[in-house]
């Protein structure tokens, strides 16, 4: 009897999580999807690998964005080009973030599902569907990625970290 009750509770919790995720995706449908990678992405500034942690709404590091392709943590390859950023997350189609959509690049200590040492995450601020979001990455050596991203952000816009 106790086992049946525990199993029923477990199934109920899983169903509640799935329903909650589907509702979140429906609420955020206005965001659309990240852009597909264009045929010409510009000159490669640098290629970096690490862990994609999450994408959240700007200034709300605990409010995950449920946009297809950005909803789950995964290994990532980040190609920084003079035209923008190509984000290839394991198990999803690569996405393109044009340099015009990039707001800033800085460091962070926490986001949903991850707390690290001070400055242990790279935060890339950008826009998807006209909405400001922050994507977080964990790399063994973040300085080269930060330098590459800062090199493509126009200094006159005041966007650099």
C-alpha atoms as a PDB file:
ATOM      1  CA  UNK A   1       0.000   0.000   0.000  1.00  0.00           C
ATOM      2  CA  UNK A   2       2.779   2.428   0.916  1.00  0.00           C
ATOM      3  CA  UNK A   3       4.660   1.617  -2.286  1.00  0.00           C
ATOM      4  CA  UNK A   4       1.545   2.293  -4.369  1.00  0.00           C
ATOM      5  CA  UNK A   5       1.069   5.633  -2.625  1.00  0.00           C
ATOM      6  CA  UNK A   6       4.700   6.638  -3.203  1.00  0.00           C
ATOM      7  CA  UNK A   7       4.492   5.609  -6.877  1.00  0.00           C
ATOM      8  CA  UNK A   8       1.256   7.562  -7.342  1.00  0.00           C
ATOM      9  CA  UNK A   9       2.846  10.632  -5.760  1.00  0.00           C
ATOM     10  CA  UNK A  10       5.901  10.279  -8.001  1.00  0.00           C
ATOM     11  CA  UNK A  11       3.748  10.015 -11.147  1.00  0.00           C
ATOM     12  CA  UNK A  12       1.727  13.037 -10.021  1.00  0.00           C
ATOM     13  CA  UNK A  13       4.907  15.081  -9.547  1.00  0.00           C
ATOM     14  CA  UNK A  14       6.244  14.129 -12.988  1.00  0.00           C
ATOM     15  CA  UNK A  15       2.923  15.031 -14.618  1.00  0.00           C
ATOM     16  CA  UNK A  16       2.895  18.374 -12.760  1.00  0.00           C
ATOM     17  CA  UNK A  17       6.434  19.149 -13.982  1.00  0.00           C
ATOM     18  CA  UNK A  18       5.540  18.341 -17.597  1.00  0.00           C
ATOM     19  CA  UNK A  19       2.360  20.422 -17.435  1.00  0.00           C
ATOM     20  CA  UNK A  20       4.283  23.315 -15.857  1.00  0.00           C
ATOM     21  CA  UNK A  21       6.934  23.214 -18.602  1.00  0.00           C
ATOM     22  CA  UNK A  22       4.285  23.113 -21.344  1.00  0.00           C
ATOM     23  CA  UNK A  23       2.501  26.110 -19.804  1.00  0.00           C
ATOM     24  CA  UNK A  24       5.784  28.020 -19.579  1.00  0.00           C
ATOM     25  CA  UNK A  25       6.485  27.331 -23.266  1.00  0.00           C
ATOM     26  CA  UNK A  26       2.974  28.447 -24.203  1.00  0.00           C
ATOM     27  CA  UNK A  27       3.333  31.678 -22.153  1.00  0.00           C
ATOM     28  CA  UNK A  28       6.648  32.403 -23.859  1.00  0.00           C
ATOM     29  CA  UNK A  29       5.537  31.563 -27.404  1.00  0.00           C
ATOM     30  CA  UNK A  30       5.712  35.275 -28.291  1.00  0.00           C
ATOM     31  CA  UNK A  31       9.506  35.070 -28.094  1.00  0.00           C
ATOM     32  CA  UNK A  32       9.716  32.937 -31.214  1.00  0.00           C
ATOM     33  CA  UNK A  33      12.901  31.004 -31.896  1.00  0.00           C
ATOM     34  CA  UNK A  34      16.509  32.077 -32.203  1.00  0.00           C
ATOM     35  CA  UNK A  35      17.592  32.814 -35.763  1.00  0.00           C
ATOM     36  CA  UNK A  36      18.865  30.022 -37.970  1.00  0.00           C
ATOM     37  CA  UNK A  37      22.514  30.236 -38.962  1.00  0.00           C
ATOM     38  CA  UNK A  38      22.835  32.174 -42.250  1.00  0.00           C
ATOM     39  CA  UNK A  39      24.947  30.915 -45.146  1.00  0.00           C
ATOM     40  CA  UNK A  40      27.591  33.583 -44.494  1.00  0.00           C
ATOM     41  CA  UNK A  41      28.353  34.183 -40.823  1.00  0.00           C
ATOM     42  CA  UNK A  42      31.400  36.374 -41.260  1.00  0.00           C
ATOM     43  CA  UNK A  43      35.010  35.908 -40.267  1.00  0.00           C
ATOM     44  CA  UNK A  44      35.661  33.603 -37.327  1.00  0.00           C
ATOM     45  CA  UNK A  45      37.097  35.469 -34.326  1.00  0.00           C
ATOM     46  CA  UNK A  46      37.229  32.398 -32.086  1.00  0.00           C
ATOM     47  CA  UNK A  47      35.708  28.996 -31.331  1.00  0.00           C
ATOM     48  CA  UNK A  48      35.043  28.013 -27.731  1.00  0.00           C
ATOM     49  CA  UNK A  49      33.604  24.967 -26.005  1.00  0.00           C
ATOM     50  CA  UNK A  50      32.044  24.668 -22.603  1.00  0.00           C
ATOM     51  CA  UNK A  51      28.771  24.173 -20.798  1.00  0.00           C
ATOM     52  CA  UNK A  52      25.646  26.091 -21.759  1.00  0.00           C
ATOM     53  CA  UNK A  53      23.861  26.602 -18.443  1.00  0.00           C
ATOM     54  CA  UNK A  54      20.649  28.483 -19.252  1.00  0.00           C
ATOM     55  CA  UNK A  55      18.948  31.463 -20.823  1.00  0.00           C
ATOM     56  CA  UNK A  56      16.839  33.692 -18.587  1.00  0.00           C
ATOM     57  CA  UNK A  57      15.021  36.980 -18.927  1.00  0.00           C
ATOM     58  CA  UNK A  58      17.287  40.017 -18.535  1.00  0.00           C
ATOM     59  CA  UNK A  59      17.934  40.779 -14.895  1.00  0.00           C
ATOM     60  CA  UNK A  60      15.942  37.742 -13.710  1.00  0.00           C
ATOM     61  CA  UNK A  61      18.531  34.953 -13.420  1.00  0.00           C
ATOM     62  CA  UNK A  62      16.027  32.513 -11.896  1.00  0.00           C
ATOM     63  CA  UNK A  63      13.351  32.892 -14.622  1.00  0.00           C
ATOM     64  CA  UNK A  64      14.289  30.383 -17.339  1.00  0.00           C
ATOM     65  CA  UNK A  65      13.374  31.024 -20.971  1.00  0.00           C
ATOM     66  CA  UNK A  66      11.666  27.982 -22.496  1.00  0.00           C
ATOM     67  CA  UNK A  67      12.391  28.841 -26.127  1.00  0.00           C
ATOM     68  CA  UNK A  68      12.992  25.684 -28.187  1.00  0.00           C
ATOM     69  CA  UNK A  69      16.696  24.930 -28.268  1.00  0.00           C
ATOM     70  CA  UNK A  70      17.533  27.060 -25.226  1.00  0.00           C
ATOM     71  CA  UNK A  71      15.548  25.340 -22.491  1.00  0.00           C
ATOM     72  CA  UNK A  72      18.045  22.797 -21.214  1.00  0.00           C
ATOM     73  CA  UNK A  73      21.651  22.691 -20.082  1.00  0.00           C
ATOM     74  CA  UNK A  74      24.074  21.046 -22.520  1.00  0.00           C
ATOM     75  CA  UNK A  75      27.585  21.030 -23.942  1.00  0.00           C
ATOM     76  CA  UNK A  76      28.088  23.996 -26.260  1.00  0.00           C
ATOM     77  CA  UNK A  77      30.303  25.201 -29.059  1.00  0.00           C
ATOM     78  CA  UNK A  78      30.334  28.983 -29.335  1.00  0.00           C
ATOM     79  CA  UNK A  79      31.646  30.470 -32.570  1.00  0.00           C
ATOM     80  CA  UNK A  80      32.246  34.210 -32.326  1.00  0.00           C
ATOM     81  CA  UNK A  81      32.374  35.884 -35.741  1.00  0.00           C
ATOM     82  CA  UNK A  82      32.515  39.509 -36.799  1.00  0.00           C
ATOM     83  CA  UNK A  83      28.799  39.220 -37.688  1.00  0.00           C
ATOM     84  CA  UNK A  84      27.622  37.635 -34.428  1.00  0.00           C
ATOM     85  CA  UNK A  85      27.617  34.419 -32.435  1.00  0.00           C
ATOM     86  CA  UNK A  86      26.800  30.903 -33.610  1.00  0.00           C
ATOM     87  CA  UNK A  87      25.585  28.878 -30.664  1.00  0.00           C
ATOM     88  CA  UNK A  88      25.653  25.105 -31.209  1.00  0.00           C
ATOM     89  CA  UNK A  89      24.114  23.242 -28.296  1.00  0.00           C
ATOM     90  CA  UNK A  90      24.303  19.460 -28.272  1.00  0.00           C
ATOM     91  CA  UNK A  91      21.023  17.976 -29.480  1.00  0.00           C
ATOM     92  CA  UNK A  92      19.642  21.166 -31.062  1.00  0.00           C
ATOM     93  CA  UNK A  93      19.989  23.053 -34.324  1.00  0.00           C
ATOM     94  CA  UNK A  94      22.640  25.814 -34.193  1.00  0.00           C
ATOM     95  CA  UNK A  95      21.314  29.314 -33.510  1.00  0.00           C
ATOM     96  CA  UNK A  96      22.663  32.652 -34.693  1.00  0.00           C
ATOM     97  CA  UNK A  97      22.792  35.807 -32.592  1.00  0.00           C
ATOM     98  CA  UNK A  98      23.564  38.808 -34.824  1.00  0.00           C
ATOM     99  CA  UNK A  99      25.938  41.375 -33.377  1.00  0.00           C
ATOM    100  CA  UNK A 100      23.093  43.925 -33.537  1.00  0.00           C
ATOM    101  CA  UNK A 101      21.125  41.810 -31.008  1.00  0.00           C
ATOM    102  CA  UNK A 102      23.978  41.564 -28.498  1.00  0.00           C
ATOM    103  CA  UNK A 103      23.582  43.972 -25.555  1.00  0.00           C
ATOM    104  CA  UNK A 104      26.522  43.134 -23.352  1.00  0.00           C
ATOM    105  CA  UNK A 105      28.921  40.527 -22.071  1.00  0.00           C
ATOM    106  CA  UNK A 106      29.957  40.199 -18.458  1.00  0.00           C
ATOM    107  CA  UNK A 107      30.448  37.683 -15.680  1.00  0.00           C
ATOM    108  CA  UNK A 108      27.931  36.249 -13.240  1.00  0.00           C
ATOM    109  CA  UNK A 109      27.928  34.028 -10.187  1.00  0.00           C
ATOM    110  CA  UNK A 110      24.542  32.323 -10.412  1.00  0.00           C
ATOM    111  CA  UNK A 111      21.575  31.490 -12.582  1.00  0.00           C
ATOM    112  CA  UNK A 112      18.846  28.875 -12.468  1.00  0.00           C
ATOM    113  CA  UNK A 113      20.385  25.447 -11.686  1.00  0.00           C
ATOM    114  CA  UNK A 114      23.924  26.751 -11.123  1.00  0.00           C
ATOM    115  CA  UNK A 115      25.852  28.675  -8.467  1.00  0.00           C
ATOM    116  CA  UNK A 116      29.611  29.023  -8.909  1.00  0.00           C
ATOM    117  CA  UNK A 117      32.479  31.151  -7.642  1.00  0.00           C
ATOM    118  CA  UNK A 118      32.233  34.906  -8.167  1.00  0.00           C
ATOM    119  CA  UNK A 119      32.516  35.619 -11.901  1.00  0.00           C
ATOM    120  CA  UNK A 120      32.530  31.921 -12.801  1.00  0.00           C
ATOM    121  CA  UNK A 121      29.860  32.231 -15.494  1.00  0.00           C
ATOM    122  CA  UNK A 122      30.022  34.183 -18.748  1.00  0.00           C
ATOM    123  CA  UNK A 123      26.795  36.146 -19.261  1.00  0.00           C
ATOM    124  CA  UNK A 124      25.890  37.059 -22.842  1.00  0.00           C
ATOM    125  CA  UNK A 125      23.085  39.624 -22.945  1.00  0.00           C
ATOM    126  CA  UNK A 126      21.118  39.602 -26.204  1.00  0.00           C
ATOM    127  CA  UNK A 127      17.598  39.812 -27.636  1.00  0.00           C
ATOM    128  CA  UNK A 128      15.330  37.090 -28.954  1.00  0.00           C
ATOM    129  CA  UNK A 129      12.086  38.211 -30.565  1.00  0.00           C
ATOM    130  CA  UNK A 130      12.721  41.745 -29.299  1.00  0.00           C
ATOM    131  CA  UNK A 131      12.917  40.594 -25.664  1.00  0.00           C
ATOM    132  CA  UNK A 132      16.129  41.030 -23.668  1.00  0.00           C
ATOM    133  CA  UNK A 133      17.554  37.742 -22.389  1.00  0.00           C
ATOM    134  CA  UNK A 134      20.769  36.577 -20.734  1.00  0.00           C
ATOM    135  CA  UNK A 135      22.538  33.340 -21.678  1.00  0.00           C
ATOM    136  CA  UNK A 136      25.021  31.813 -19.250  1.00  0.00           C
ATOM    137  CA  UNK A 137      28.061  29.683 -20.094  1.00  0.00           C
ATOM    138  CA  UNK A 138      30.592  27.869 -17.935  1.00  0.00           C
ATOM    139  CA  UNK A 139      34.053  27.516 -19.480  1.00  0.00           C
ATOM    140  CA  UNK A 140      37.344  26.305 -18.046  1.00  0.00           C
ATOM    141  CA  UNK A 141      39.010  29.463 -19.366  1.00  0.00           C
ATOM    142  CA  UNK A 142      36.428  32.242 -19.865  1.00  0.00           C
ATOM    143  CA  UNK A 143      38.822  35.122 -20.614  1.00  0.00           C
ATOM    144  CA  UNK A 144      39.347  34.319 -24.332  1.00  0.00           C
ATOM    145  CA  UNK A 145      35.563  34.091 -24.889  1.00  0.00           C
ATOM    146  CA  UNK A 146      34.994  37.375 -23.057  1.00  0.00           C
ATOM    147  CA  UNK A 147      37.691  39.074 -25.143  1.00  0.00           C
ATOM    148  CA  UNK A 148      36.275  37.707 -28.408  1.00  0.00           C
ATOM    149  CA  UNK A 149      32.738  38.804 -27.550  1.00  0.00           C
ATOM    150  CA  UNK A 150      33.884  42.244 -26.422  1.00  0.00           C
ATOM    151  CA  UNK A 151      35.787  42.664 -29.686  1.00  0.00           C
ATOM    152  CA  UNK A 152      32.608  42.385 -31.784  1.00  0.00           C
ATOM    153  CA  UNK A 153      30.391  44.644 -29.672  1.00  0.00           C
ATOM    154  CA  UNK A 154      30.475  48.253 -30.911  1.00  0.00           C
ATOM    155  CA  UNK A 155      32.147  50.443 -28.282  1.00  0.00           C
ATOM    156  CA  UNK A 156      30.030  53.469 -29.230  1.00  0.00           C
ATOM    157  CA  UNK A 157      26.886  51.672 -28.053  1.00  0.00           C
ATOM    158  CA  UNK A 158      28.142  51.460 -24.495  1.00  0.00           C
ATOM    159  CA  UNK A 159      27.402  47.744 -24.477  1.00  0.00           C
ATOM    160  CA  UNK A 160      30.726  46.412 -23.272  1.00  0.00           C
ATOM    161  CA  UNK A 161      31.084  45.050 -19.774  1.00  0.00           C
END
